[in-house]
N, C-alpha and C. Protein backbone atom coordinates (compact mmCIF):
# COMPACT_ATOMS: atom_id res chain seq x y z
N MET A 1 -6.01 -17.28 -8.12
CA MET A 1 -7.36 -17.21 -7.62
C MET A 1 -7.71 -15.76 -7.29
N MET A 2 -6.75 -15.07 -6.67
CA MET A 2 -7.02 -13.68 -6.29
C MET A 2 -7.25 -12.82 -7.53
N LEU A 3 -6.48 -13.07 -8.56
CA LEU A 3 -6.65 -12.27 -9.78
C LEU A 3 -7.98 -12.54 -10.46
N LEU A 4 -8.46 -13.77 -10.36
CA LEU A 4 -9.75 -14.09 -10.96
C LEU A 4 -10.91 -13.47 -10.18
N LEU A 5 -10.74 -13.33 -8.86
CA LEU A 5 -11.79 -12.74 -8.03
C LEU A 5 -11.67 -11.23 -7.92
N LEU A 6 -10.68 -10.64 -8.58
CA LEU A 6 -10.46 -9.20 -8.50
C LEU A 6 -11.67 -8.37 -8.94
N PRO A 7 -12.37 -8.71 -10.03
CA PRO A 7 -13.55 -7.90 -10.39
C PRO A 7 -14.65 -7.94 -9.32
N ILE A 8 -14.82 -9.05 -8.65
CA ILE A 8 -15.82 -9.14 -7.59
C ILE A 8 -15.40 -8.27 -6.41
N GLN A 9 -14.12 -8.29 -6.08
CA GLN A 9 -13.62 -7.47 -4.98
C GLN A 9 -13.80 -5.99 -5.28
N VAL A 10 -13.50 -5.59 -6.51
CA VAL A 10 -13.68 -4.19 -6.88
C VAL A 10 -15.16 -3.82 -6.83
N GLY A 11 -16.02 -4.72 -7.23
CA GLY A 11 -17.45 -4.44 -7.19
C GLY A 11 -17.99 -4.30 -5.78
N PHE A 12 -17.56 -5.16 -4.88
CA PHE A 12 -18.06 -5.11 -3.51
C PHE A 12 -17.41 -4.00 -2.68
N PHE A 13 -16.10 -3.85 -2.81
CA PHE A 13 -15.36 -2.96 -1.90
C PHE A 13 -14.84 -1.70 -2.58
N HIS A 14 -15.10 -1.53 -3.88
CA HIS A 14 -14.71 -0.35 -4.64
C HIS A 14 -13.20 -0.11 -4.60
N GLY A 15 -12.43 -1.18 -4.71
CA GLY A 15 -10.98 -1.04 -4.74
C GLY A 15 -10.29 -2.37 -4.54
N ILE A 16 -8.96 -2.31 -4.58
CA ILE A 16 -8.16 -3.51 -4.37
C ILE A 16 -7.12 -3.25 -3.29
N SER A 17 -6.67 -4.29 -2.67
CA SER A 17 -5.63 -4.19 -1.66
C SER A 17 -4.35 -4.77 -2.23
N LEU A 18 -3.35 -3.93 -2.33
CA LEU A 18 -2.07 -4.40 -2.88
C LEU A 18 -1.33 -5.29 -1.88
N SER A 19 -1.59 -5.11 -0.61
CA SER A 19 -0.93 -5.95 0.39
C SER A 19 -1.54 -7.35 0.45
N ALA A 20 -2.72 -7.52 -0.11
CA ALA A 20 -3.37 -8.83 -0.08
C ALA A 20 -2.58 -9.87 -0.88
N LEU A 21 -2.01 -9.46 -1.99
CA LEU A 21 -1.22 -10.39 -2.80
C LEU A 21 0.00 -10.87 -2.02
N THR A 22 0.67 -9.95 -1.36
CA THR A 22 1.84 -10.32 -0.55
C THR A 22 1.43 -11.22 0.60
N ALA A 23 0.35 -10.87 1.27
CA ALA A 23 -0.12 -11.68 2.40
C ALA A 23 -0.52 -13.08 1.95
N ASN A 24 -1.17 -13.19 0.81
CA ASN A 24 -1.56 -14.50 0.31
C ASN A 24 -0.35 -15.33 -0.09
N LEU A 25 0.62 -14.72 -0.73
CA LEU A 25 1.84 -15.46 -1.09
C LEU A 25 2.56 -15.95 0.15
N TRP A 26 2.61 -15.14 1.18
CA TRP A 26 3.25 -15.48 2.45
C TRP A 26 2.50 -16.62 3.13
N ALA A 27 1.21 -16.45 3.32
CA ALA A 27 0.43 -17.41 4.09
C ALA A 27 0.26 -18.74 3.37
N VAL A 28 -0.07 -18.70 2.11
CA VAL A 28 -0.33 -19.94 1.37
C VAL A 28 0.93 -20.78 1.25
N SER A 29 2.08 -20.14 1.06
CA SER A 29 3.31 -20.92 0.93
C SER A 29 3.69 -21.57 2.26
N ILE A 30 3.55 -20.86 3.37
CA ILE A 30 3.89 -21.46 4.67
C ILE A 30 2.94 -22.60 5.01
N ILE A 31 1.65 -22.38 4.82
CA ILE A 31 0.67 -23.42 5.14
C ILE A 31 0.86 -24.63 4.23
N SER A 32 1.09 -24.39 2.95
CA SER A 32 1.19 -25.50 1.99
C SER A 32 2.46 -26.32 2.13
N PHE A 33 3.58 -25.67 2.40
CA PHE A 33 4.85 -26.37 2.38
C PHE A 33 5.35 -26.81 3.75
N ILE A 34 4.83 -26.22 4.82
CA ILE A 34 5.33 -26.56 6.15
C ILE A 34 4.23 -27.14 7.05
N THR A 35 3.14 -26.39 7.21
CA THR A 35 2.13 -26.76 8.19
C THR A 35 1.38 -28.05 7.81
N ILE A 36 0.84 -28.11 6.62
CA ILE A 36 0.06 -29.28 6.20
C ILE A 36 0.92 -30.55 6.18
N PRO A 37 2.13 -30.55 5.60
CA PRO A 37 2.94 -31.78 5.68
C PRO A 37 3.28 -32.18 7.12
N ALA A 38 3.54 -31.19 7.99
CA ALA A 38 3.85 -31.52 9.38
C ALA A 38 2.65 -32.17 10.07
N ILE A 39 1.46 -31.67 9.81
CA ILE A 39 0.25 -32.26 10.41
C ILE A 39 0.02 -33.67 9.87
N LEU A 40 0.19 -33.85 8.57
CA LEU A 40 0.01 -35.19 7.99
C LEU A 40 1.03 -36.18 8.53
N LEU A 41 2.27 -35.75 8.69
CA LEU A 41 3.29 -36.63 9.27
C LEU A 41 3.00 -36.93 10.74
N ALA A 42 2.44 -35.97 11.45
CA ALA A 42 2.06 -36.21 12.84
C ALA A 42 0.97 -37.27 12.92
N PHE A 43 0.00 -37.21 12.01
CA PHE A 43 -1.05 -38.23 11.99
C PHE A 43 -0.51 -39.60 11.59
N LEU A 44 0.42 -39.61 10.63
CA LEU A 44 0.96 -40.89 10.17
C LEU A 44 1.84 -41.57 11.22
N THR A 45 2.46 -40.79 12.07
CA THR A 45 3.36 -41.35 13.08
C THR A 45 2.74 -41.36 14.47
N THR A 46 1.43 -41.45 14.53
CA THR A 46 0.72 -41.38 15.81
C THR A 46 1.15 -42.48 16.78
N PHE A 47 1.40 -43.66 16.28
CA PHE A 47 1.68 -44.80 17.17
C PHE A 47 3.17 -44.98 17.49
N ILE A 48 4.01 -44.07 17.01
CA ILE A 48 5.44 -44.11 17.33
C ILE A 48 5.69 -43.11 18.46
N PRO A 49 6.27 -43.52 19.54
CA PRO A 49 6.46 -42.60 20.68
C PRO A 49 7.38 -41.42 20.33
N PHE A 50 7.02 -40.27 20.80
CA PHE A 50 7.78 -39.01 20.73
C PHE A 50 7.94 -38.41 19.34
N ILE A 51 7.67 -39.13 18.29
CA ILE A 51 7.83 -38.59 16.94
C ILE A 51 6.69 -37.61 16.59
N PRO A 52 5.44 -37.94 16.86
CA PRO A 52 4.37 -36.99 16.49
C PRO A 52 4.48 -35.64 17.20
N SER A 53 5.00 -35.64 18.41
CA SER A 53 5.10 -34.38 19.13
C SER A 53 6.05 -33.41 18.43
N PHE A 54 7.09 -33.93 17.77
CA PHE A 54 7.98 -33.07 17.00
C PHE A 54 7.24 -32.44 15.83
N PHE A 55 6.43 -33.22 15.12
CA PHE A 55 5.69 -32.68 13.98
C PHE A 55 4.61 -31.69 14.42
N TRP A 56 3.96 -31.96 15.55
CA TRP A 56 2.99 -30.99 16.07
C TRP A 56 3.68 -29.69 16.47
N PHE A 57 4.86 -29.81 17.06
CA PHE A 57 5.64 -28.63 17.42
C PHE A 57 6.03 -27.84 16.16
N LEU A 58 6.43 -28.54 15.11
CA LEU A 58 6.78 -27.89 13.85
C LEU A 58 5.58 -27.17 13.24
N ALA A 59 4.42 -27.80 13.28
CA ALA A 59 3.20 -27.16 12.76
C ALA A 59 2.85 -25.93 13.58
N ASP A 60 2.97 -26.03 14.90
CA ASP A 60 2.69 -24.88 15.76
C ASP A 60 3.68 -23.76 15.53
N LEU A 61 4.94 -24.10 15.34
CA LEU A 61 5.97 -23.11 15.08
C LEU A 61 5.73 -22.40 13.75
N SER A 62 5.30 -23.15 12.74
CA SER A 62 5.04 -22.53 11.44
C SER A 62 3.85 -21.58 11.50
N ILE A 63 2.82 -21.92 12.27
CA ILE A 63 1.67 -21.02 12.43
C ILE A 63 2.10 -19.76 13.18
N GLY A 64 2.94 -19.93 14.20
CA GLY A 64 3.46 -18.76 14.91
C GLY A 64 4.29 -17.87 13.99
N PHE A 65 5.08 -18.49 13.13
CA PHE A 65 5.88 -17.74 12.16
C PHE A 65 4.98 -17.02 11.16
N LEU A 66 3.86 -17.65 10.82
CA LEU A 66 2.91 -17.06 9.88
C LEU A 66 2.32 -15.78 10.45
N PHE A 67 1.98 -15.78 11.72
CA PHE A 67 1.35 -14.62 12.33
C PHE A 67 2.35 -13.61 12.90
N SER A 68 3.62 -13.87 12.80
CA SER A 68 4.62 -12.96 13.37
C SER A 68 4.58 -11.55 12.78
N PRO A 69 4.29 -11.34 11.49
CA PRO A 69 4.22 -9.95 11.00
C PRO A 69 3.05 -9.17 11.60
N LEU A 70 2.07 -9.84 12.14
CA LEU A 70 0.92 -9.13 12.71
C LEU A 70 1.22 -8.51 14.06
N LEU A 71 2.35 -8.87 14.66
CA LEU A 71 2.70 -8.33 15.96
C LEU A 71 3.20 -6.89 15.87
N PHE A 72 3.58 -6.45 14.69
CA PHE A 72 4.13 -5.10 14.53
C PHE A 72 3.08 -4.10 14.15
């Protein structure tokens, strides 16, 4: 998607960001493979005691891990 939108980005901002590809690969993979499944499992196990809280914790942990490079 980023490569297809590259001409628009160059037109609007007169350049490209090489770190954007790395950031997108990092963020999209964490959200797609950890956060979204954890949230869906939390919703599916809503009526089972103590199980959804583990999945919510996992989703929260993955979001924290996602933003960890921004602390530096």
